Amino acid sequence: MSVQIIRSQSGDEMVILPKADYDRLCEMAENSADIRAAGEILARLHSGAEETVPAAVASRLAGGENPVKV
């Protein structure tokens, strides 16, 4: 990764890098956030704080069917 560091008039350091490197860094950050979110969901499932239901059941409930019948 080739970068260039410049200093703004206010003294902040800024980095200039190729667009491909920027895109790769953005993708890595997004993947990291997705992995973290998945880990949080799995932890809630394992602790019992979160439950799952089959999609067919969720669809019937969302469609207004009586929960006792579903």
Protein backbone atom coordinates (compact mmCIF):
# COMPACT_ATOMS: atom_id res chain seq x y z
CA MET A 1 0.00 0.00 0.00
CA SER A 2 1.56 3.26 -1.07
CA VAL A 3 0.45 6.27 0.92
CA GLN A 4 1.31 9.92 1.08
CA ILE A 5 0.95 11.86 4.33
CA ILE A 6 0.24 15.58 4.17
CA ARG A 7 -0.40 18.12 6.92
CA SER A 8 -3.37 20.48 6.71
CA GLN A 9 -3.17 24.16 7.62
CA SER A 10 -4.65 23.31 11.03
CA GLY A 11 -1.91 20.72 11.63
CA ASP A 12 -4.00 17.58 11.05
CA GLU A 13 -2.19 14.76 9.29
CA MET A 14 -4.04 13.45 6.24
CA VAL A 15 -3.33 10.33 4.21
CA ILE A 16 -3.65 9.97 0.46
CA LEU A 17 -3.82 6.42 -0.85
CA PRO A 18 -4.82 4.65 -4.05
CA LYS A 19 -8.58 4.13 -4.52
CA ALA A 20 -8.12 0.34 -4.69
CA ASP A 21 -6.45 0.39 -1.25
CA TYR A 22 -9.23 2.62 0.12
CA ASP A 23 -11.89 0.26 -1.26
CA ARG A 24 -10.12 -2.74 0.27
CA LEU A 25 -9.93 -1.02 3.67
CA CYS A 26 -13.65 -0.16 3.50
CA GLU A 27 -14.49 -3.77 2.65
CA MET A 28 -12.36 -5.03 5.53
CA ALA A 29 -14.10 -2.64 7.94
CA GLU A 30 -17.53 -3.76 6.71
CA ASN A 31 -16.57 -7.43 7.05
CA SER A 32 -15.30 -6.78 10.56
CA ALA A 33 -18.58 -5.12 11.54
CA ASP A 34 -20.56 -8.04 10.07
CA ILE A 35 -18.44 -10.57 11.97
CA ARG A 36 -18.88 -8.63 15.22
CA ALA A 37 -22.67 -8.44 14.72
CA ALA A 38 -22.87 -12.17 13.97
CA GLY A 39 -20.88 -12.92 17.12
CA GLU A 40 -23.28 -10.82 19.20
CA ILE A 41 -26.28 -12.65 17.75
CA LEU A 42 -24.69 -16.05 18.37
CA ALA A 43 -23.91 -15.07 21.96
CA ARG A 44 -27.56 -14.07 22.51
CA LEU A 45 -28.74 -17.36 21.00
CA HIS A 46 -26.38 -19.43 23.16
CA SER A 47 -27.37 -17.54 26.31
CA GLY A 48 -31.08 -18.04 25.64
CA ALA A 49 -31.73 -14.30 25.39
CA GLU A 50 -32.70 -14.74 21.72
CA GLU A 51 -34.78 -17.44 20.05
CA THR A 52 -35.32 -18.46 16.46
CA VAL A 53 -38.48 -19.67 14.76
CA PRO A 54 -38.88 -21.31 11.37
CA ALA A 55 -39.60 -18.89 8.51
CA ALA A 56 -42.93 -20.60 7.81
CA VAL A 57 -44.07 -19.94 11.39
CA ALA A 58 -42.91 -16.32 11.28
CA SER A 59 -44.74 -15.79 7.98
CA ARG A 60 -47.97 -17.20 9.35
CA LEU A 61 -47.74 -15.04 12.48
CA ALA A 62 -46.90 -11.95 10.40
CA GLY A 63 -49.88 -12.79 8.19
CA GLY A 64 -52.17 -12.44 11.19
CA GLU A 65 -52.88 -16.07 11.93
CA ASN A 66 -53.82 -16.93 15.49
CA PRO A 67 -50.61 -17.76 17.43
CA VAL A 68 -52.30 -20.67 19.18
CA LYS A 69 -53.24 -22.21 15.82
CA VAL A 70 -49.77 -21.60 14.38
